[in-house]
Amino acid sequence: MASIPYELGLLLAGVLFAIGTVGLITRRNLLLILLCVEVMLNAAGLAFVVAGSRWAQADGQVMFIFLLSMAAAEVAVGLALLLLHFGRARTLDADALKASERTSSPAARSSEDD
C-alpha cells in the first residue's frame, strides 16, 4: 500500500492551520471565527495522525479522537453563546459584541450614574 510522505502530511497540516489563523484574525463574523477555530483544530489533529503514522504508533489516532471530542464540546458551547448573542444583538458581528459588552458591563453602568 502506498503511503503519503509524512513531510507532505505535516505541510498540509501547517497550511490548514495557517488558513485557520488568517481567517481567525481577519474575520468579523462570529460564526466564521468559530469555523476557523475548527479548521485549526482539524489541522492539529492531522498533525497528530501523521506523526503517529510516522512512528507506526496509534498514539496520534488516540489524540485525534480526544481532539474531536474536545472540538465537539467547543462547538456546542460556542454555538450556544452565538445564539445567546444573536438573540440579544440580532447580529453576529464581533465588533457589535465588543460594543454590547462595554454598554452592559457593571463598570459602564456605574460610570453612567455619576
N, C-alpha and C. Protein backbone atom coordinates (compact mmCIF):
# COMPACT_ATOMS: atom_id res chain seq x y z
N MET A 1 0.84 -1.17 0.00
CA MET A 1 0.00 0.00 0.00
C MET A 1 0.89 1.24 0.00
N ALA A 2 0.62 2.16 -0.91
CA ALA A 2 1.41 3.39 -1.00
C ALA A 2 0.97 4.35 0.09
N SER A 3 1.93 5.02 0.68
CA SER A 3 1.59 5.98 1.73
C SER A 3 2.11 7.36 1.34
N ILE A 4 1.48 8.36 1.90
CA ILE A 4 1.87 9.74 1.65
C ILE A 4 3.09 10.05 2.52
N PRO A 5 4.10 10.70 1.98
CA PRO A 5 5.25 11.06 2.81
C PRO A 5 4.81 11.96 3.97
N TYR A 6 5.40 11.74 5.13
CA TYR A 6 4.94 12.49 6.30
C TYR A 6 5.25 13.98 6.19
N GLU A 7 6.26 14.35 5.38
CA GLU A 7 6.55 15.77 5.18
C GLU A 7 5.36 16.48 4.52
N LEU A 8 4.75 15.80 3.55
CA LEU A 8 3.59 16.40 2.88
C LEU A 8 2.39 16.47 3.80
N GLY A 9 2.21 15.46 4.65
CA GLY A 9 1.11 15.50 5.61
C GLY A 9 1.27 16.63 6.60
N LEU A 10 2.49 16.82 7.08
CA LEU A 10 2.74 17.93 8.02
C LEU A 10 2.65 19.27 7.31
N LEU A 11 3.04 19.32 6.04
CA LEU A 11 2.89 20.56 5.28
C LEU A 11 1.42 20.90 5.11
N LEU A 12 0.60 19.90 4.80
CA LEU A 12 -0.84 20.13 4.68
C LEU A 12 -1.43 20.60 6.01
N ALA A 13 -1.01 19.99 7.10
CA ALA A 13 -1.49 20.42 8.42
C ALA A 13 -1.07 21.87 8.71
N GLY A 14 0.15 22.22 8.35
CA GLY A 14 0.61 23.58 8.55
C GLY A 14 -0.15 24.59 7.71
N VAL A 15 -0.44 24.23 6.46
CA VAL A 15 -1.20 25.12 5.58
C VAL A 15 -2.62 25.30 6.11
N LEU A 16 -3.25 24.22 6.54
CA LEU A 16 -4.60 24.32 7.11
C LEU A 16 -4.60 25.17 8.37
N PHE A 17 -3.59 25.00 9.21
CA PHE A 17 -3.51 25.80 10.43
C PHE A 17 -3.31 27.27 10.10
N ALA A 18 -2.48 27.55 9.09
CA ALA A 18 -2.26 28.94 8.68
C ALA A 18 -3.54 29.56 8.11
N ILE A 19 -4.28 28.80 7.32
CA ILE A 19 -5.55 29.30 6.79
C ILE A 19 -6.52 29.61 7.92
N GLY A 20 -6.59 28.73 8.90
CA GLY A 20 -7.45 28.97 10.04
C GLY A 20 -7.02 30.19 10.84
N THR A 21 -5.72 30.37 11.00
CA THR A 21 -5.22 31.53 11.75
C THR A 21 -5.52 32.83 11.02
N VAL A 22 -5.29 32.85 9.72
CA VAL A 22 -5.59 34.06 8.94
C VAL A 22 -7.09 34.36 8.99
N GLY A 23 -7.90 33.34 8.87
CA GLY A 23 -9.34 33.56 8.96
C GLY A 23 -9.77 34.04 10.33
N LEU A 24 -9.13 33.53 11.37
CA LEU A 24 -9.45 33.94 12.74
C LEU A 24 -9.11 35.41 12.95
N ILE A 25 -8.01 35.85 12.37
CA ILE A 25 -7.57 37.24 12.56
C ILE A 25 -8.38 38.21 11.70
N THR A 26 -8.74 37.81 10.50
CA THR A 26 -9.35 38.76 9.57
C THR A 26 -10.87 38.79 9.60
N ARG A 27 -11.53 37.76 10.07
CA ARG A 27 -12.99 37.70 10.01
C ARG A 27 -13.63 38.50 11.15
N ARG A 28 -14.82 39.03 10.91
CA ARG A 28 -15.59 39.74 11.92
C ARG A 28 -16.85 38.98 12.29
N ASN A 29 -17.27 38.02 11.49
CA ASN A 29 -18.46 37.24 11.76
C ASN A 29 -18.11 36.15 12.77
N LEU A 30 -18.83 36.08 13.88
CA LEU A 30 -18.51 35.13 14.94
C LEU A 30 -18.66 33.69 14.49
N LEU A 31 -19.59 33.41 13.61
CA LEU A 31 -19.75 32.04 13.11
C LEU A 31 -18.55 31.62 12.27
N LEU A 32 -18.04 32.53 11.46
CA LEU A 32 -16.85 32.22 10.67
C LEU A 32 -15.60 32.10 11.55
N ILE A 33 -15.55 32.87 12.61
CA ILE A 33 -14.44 32.75 13.56
C ILE A 33 -14.46 31.37 14.20
N LEU A 34 -15.64 30.91 14.59
CA LEU A 34 -15.77 29.58 15.16
C LEU A 34 -15.38 28.50 14.14
N LEU A 35 -15.73 28.70 12.89
CA LEU A 35 -15.36 27.77 11.83
C LEU A 35 -13.84 27.74 11.63
N CYS A 36 -13.19 28.89 11.72
CA CYS A 36 -11.73 28.94 11.58
C CYS A 36 -11.04 28.22 12.73
N VAL A 37 -11.60 28.31 13.93
CA VAL A 37 -11.04 27.57 15.06
C VAL A 37 -11.16 26.07 14.80
N GLU A 38 -12.26 25.65 14.21
CA GLU A 38 -12.43 24.23 13.88
C GLU A 38 -11.42 23.77 12.85
N VAL A 39 -11.13 24.61 11.86
CA VAL A 39 -10.12 24.27 10.86
C VAL A 39 -8.76 24.11 11.54
N MET A 40 -8.45 24.98 12.48
CA MET A 40 -7.18 24.89 13.20
C MET A 40 -7.11 23.62 14.04
N LEU A 41 -8.21 23.24 14.68
CA LEU A 41 -8.22 22.01 15.47
C LEU A 41 -8.06 20.78 14.58
N ASN A 42 -8.69 20.80 13.42
CA ASN A 42 -8.53 19.68 12.49
C ASN A 42 -7.10 19.60 11.95
N ALA A 43 -6.47 20.73 11.74
CA ALA A 43 -5.07 20.73 11.30
C ALA A 43 -4.18 20.12 12.38
N ALA A 44 -4.44 20.46 13.64
CA ALA A 44 -3.66 19.86 14.73
C ALA A 44 -3.90 18.35 14.80
N GLY A 45 -5.15 17.94 14.60
CA GLY A 45 -5.45 16.51 14.58
C GLY A 45 -4.76 15.78 13.44
N LEU A 46 -4.70 16.41 12.28
CA LEU A 46 -3.99 15.81 11.15
C LEU A 46 -2.51 15.66 11.46
N ALA A 47 -1.94 16.66 12.12
CA ALA A 47 -0.52 16.56 12.50
C ALA A 47 -0.30 15.41 13.48
N PHE A 48 -1.23 15.20 14.41
CA PHE A 48 -1.11 14.07 15.33
C PHE A 48 -1.16 12.74 14.59
N VAL A 49 -2.09 12.62 13.65
CA VAL A 49 -2.23 11.36 12.90
C VAL A 49 -1.00 11.11 12.04
N VAL A 50 -0.49 12.14 11.39
CA VAL A 50 0.71 11.98 10.55
C VAL A 50 1.91 11.59 11.41
N ALA A 51 2.06 12.25 12.56
CA ALA A 51 3.19 11.91 13.43
C ALA A 51 3.05 10.48 13.97
N GLY A 52 1.84 10.07 14.30
CA GLY A 52 1.63 8.71 14.77
C GLY A 52 1.93 7.68 13.70
N SER A 53 1.56 7.98 12.45
CA SER A 53 1.84 7.03 11.37
C SER A 53 3.33 7.01 11.03
N ARG A 54 4.01 8.09 11.27
CA ARG A 54 5.46 8.13 11.00
C ARG A 54 6.20 7.12 11.87
N TRP A 55 5.79 7.02 13.14
CA TRP A 55 6.45 6.10 14.06
C TRP A 55 5.66 4.80 14.25
N ALA A 56 4.66 4.58 13.41
CA ALA A 56 3.84 3.37 13.44
C ALA A 56 3.24 3.12 14.82
N GLN A 57 2.74 4.20 15.41
CA GLN A 57 2.08 4.13 16.72
C GLN A 57 0.64 4.60 16.58
N ALA A 58 -0.21 4.10 17.42
CA ALA A 58 -1.62 4.52 17.40
C ALA A 58 -1.86 5.76 18.27
N ASP A 59 -0.81 6.30 18.86
CA ASP A 59 -0.97 7.44 19.76
C ASP A 59 -1.56 8.66 19.05
N GLY A 60 -1.18 8.88 17.80
CA GLY A 60 -1.70 10.01 17.05
C GLY A 60 -3.19 9.89 16.81
N GLN A 61 -3.64 8.69 16.54
CA GLN A 61 -5.08 8.49 16.32
C GLN A 61 -5.87 8.62 17.62
N VAL A 62 -5.28 8.18 18.71
CA VAL A 62 -5.93 8.34 20.01
C VAL A 62 -6.06 9.82 20.36
N MET A 63 -4.99 10.57 20.12
CA MET A 63 -5.04 12.01 20.37
C MET A 63 -6.06 12.70 19.47
N PHE A 64 -6.19 12.21 18.23
CA PHE A 64 -7.17 12.80 17.33
C PHE A 64 -8.59 12.55 17.82
N ILE A 65 -8.86 11.39 18.35
CA ILE A 65 -10.18 11.11 18.91
C ILE A 65 -10.46 12.03 20.10
N PHE A 66 -9.45 12.22 20.95
CA PHE A 66 -9.60 13.16 22.06
C PHE A 66 -9.83 14.57 21.55
N LEU A 67 -9.11 14.96 20.51
CA LEU A 67 -9.25 16.29 19.94
C LEU A 67 -10.64 16.48 19.33
N LEU A 68 -11.17 15.44 18.69
CA LEU A 68 -12.52 15.54 18.13
C LEU A 68 -13.58 15.71 19.22
N SER A 69 -13.41 15.00 20.33
CA SER A 69 -14.38 15.15 21.41
C SER A 69 -14.28 16.54 22.03
N MET A 70 -13.08 17.08 22.15
CA MET A 70 -12.92 18.43 22.67
C MET A 70 -13.51 19.45 21.69
N ALA A 71 -13.33 19.23 20.40
CA ALA A 71 -13.88 20.13 19.40
C ALA A 71 -15.40 20.10 19.41
N ALA A 72 -15.98 18.94 19.64
CA ALA A 72 -17.45 18.84 19.71
C ALA A 72 -17.98 19.63 20.90
N ALA A 73 -17.30 19.54 22.02
CA ALA A 73 -17.71 20.32 23.19
C ALA A 73 -17.54 21.81 22.93
N GLU A 74 -16.46 22.18 22.25
CA GLU A 74 -16.22 23.59 21.93
C GLU A 74 -17.31 24.12 20.99
N VAL A 75 -17.71 23.32 20.03
CA VAL A 75 -18.77 23.74 19.11
C VAL A 75 -20.09 23.90 19.84
N ALA A 76 -20.40 22.99 20.74
CA ALA A 76 -21.66 23.09 21.48
C ALA A 76 -21.71 24.36 22.32
N VAL A 77 -20.65 24.64 23.03
CA VAL A 77 -20.62 25.86 23.86
C VAL A 77 -20.57 27.10 22.98
N GLY A 78 -19.76 27.05 21.92
CA GLY A 78 -19.65 28.21 21.03
C GLY A 78 -20.97 28.55 20.35
N LEU A 79 -21.67 27.54 19.86
CA LEU A 79 -22.96 27.80 19.20
C LEU A 79 -24.00 28.29 20.20
N ALA A 80 -23.97 27.79 21.42
CA ALA A 80 -24.90 28.28 22.43
C ALA A 80 -24.64 29.76 22.73
N LEU A 81 -23.38 30.13 22.84
CA LEU A 81 -23.04 31.53 23.07
C LEU A 81 -23.41 32.40 21.87
N LEU A 82 -23.23 31.87 20.65
CA LEU A 82 -23.62 32.62 19.46
C LEU A 82 -25.13 32.86 19.42
N LEU A 83 -25.90 31.83 19.76
CA LEU A 83 -27.36 32.00 19.78
C LEU A 83 -27.78 33.01 20.84
N LEU A 84 -27.12 32.99 21.98
CA LEU A 84 -27.42 33.95 23.04
C LEU A 84 -27.11 35.37 22.58
N HIS A 85 -25.95 35.54 21.97
CA HIS A 85 -25.57 36.87 21.48
C HIS A 85 -26.49 37.32 20.35
N PHE A 86 -26.82 36.42 19.44
CA PHE A 86 -27.69 36.79 18.33
C PHE A 86 -29.09 37.17 18.83
N GLY A 87 -29.56 36.48 19.86
CA GLY A 87 -30.86 36.82 20.43
C GLY A 87 -30.89 38.21 21.04
N ARG A 88 -29.76 38.65 21.57
CA ARG A 88 -29.70 39.98 22.19
C ARG A 88 -29.39 41.08 21.19
N ALA A 89 -28.43 40.85 20.31
CA ALA A 89 -27.93 41.92 19.45
C ALA A 89 -28.44 41.82 18.01
N ARG A 90 -29.03 40.71 17.62
CA ARG A 90 -29.52 40.48 16.25
C ARG A 90 -28.41 40.64 15.21
N THR A 91 -27.18 40.35 15.60
CA THR A 91 -26.05 40.36 14.68
C THR A 91 -24.99 39.38 15.17
N LEU A 92 -24.16 38.91 14.26
CA LEU A 92 -23.05 38.04 14.62
C LEU A 92 -21.71 38.73 14.42
N ASP A 93 -21.73 40.06 14.38
CA ASP A 93 -20.52 40.83 14.18
C ASP A 93 -19.74 40.90 15.49
N ALA A 94 -18.43 40.63 15.42
CA ALA A 94 -17.59 40.63 16.62
C ALA A 94 -17.47 42.03 17.20
N ASP A 95 -17.47 43.06 16.36
CA ASP A 95 -17.38 44.43 16.87
C ASP A 95 -18.65 44.80 17.65
N ALA A 96 -19.79 44.30 17.22
CA ALA A 96 -21.03 44.56 17.95
C ALA A 96 -21.01 43.87 19.31
N LEU A 97 -20.36 42.71 19.39
CA LEU A 97 -20.22 42.02 20.67
C LEU A 97 -19.38 42.85 21.63
N LYS A 98 -18.28 43.42 21.14
CA LYS A 98 -17.45 44.27 21.98
C LYS A 98 -18.23 45.49 22.46
N ALA A 99 -19.00 46.10 21.57
CA ALA A 99 -19.77 47.28 21.93
C ALA A 99 -20.84 46.94 22.96
N SER A 100 -21.50 45.79 22.80
CA SER A 100 -22.54 45.42 23.76
C SER A 100 -21.94 45.06 25.12
N GLU A 101 -20.72 44.53 25.14
CA GLU A 101 -20.06 44.25 26.42
C GLU A 101 -19.74 45.54 27.16
N ARG A 102 -19.32 46.56 26.42
CA ARG A 102 -18.98 47.84 27.06
C ARG A 102 -20.21 48.51 27.64
N THR A 103 -21.35 48.43 26.95
CA THR A 103 -22.55 49.11 27.43
C THR A 103 -23.26 48.34 28.52
N SER A 104 -23.06 47.02 28.59
CA SER A 104 -23.79 46.23 29.58
C SER A 104 -22.94 45.86 30.79
N SER A 105 -21.69 46.31 30.86
CA SER A 105 -20.84 45.95 31.99
C SER A 105 -21.22 46.77 33.21
N PRO A 106 -21.06 46.22 34.42
CA PRO A 106 -21.40 46.97 35.63
C PRO A 106 -20.57 48.24 35.79
N ALA A 107 -19.32 48.24 35.32
CA ALA A 107 -18.48 49.43 35.44
C ALA A 107 -19.04 50.54 34.55
N ALA A 108 -19.54 50.18 33.37
CA ALA A 108 -20.10 51.19 32.48
C ALA A 108 -21.38 51.76 33.05
N ARG A 109 -22.19 50.92 33.70
CA ARG A 109 -23.43 51.41 34.30
C ARG A 109 -23.16 52.31 35.49
N SER A 110 -22.15 52.00 36.30
CA SER A 110 -21.87 52.82 37.47
C SER A 110 -21.27 54.16 37.05
N SER A 111 -20.54 54.21 35.94
CA SER A 111 -19.98 55.48 35.48
C SER A 111 -21.08 56.34 34.87
N GLU A 112 -22.15 55.72 34.34
CA GLU A 112 -23.27 56.50 33.82
C GLU A 112 -24.06 57.13 34.94
N ASP A 113 -24.09 56.49 36.12
CA ASP A 113 -24.84 57.00 37.25
C ASP A 113 -24.20 58.24 37.86
N ASP A 114 -22.89 58.41 37.65
CA ASP A 114 -22.17 59.55 38.25
C ASP A 114 -22.48 60.86 37.58
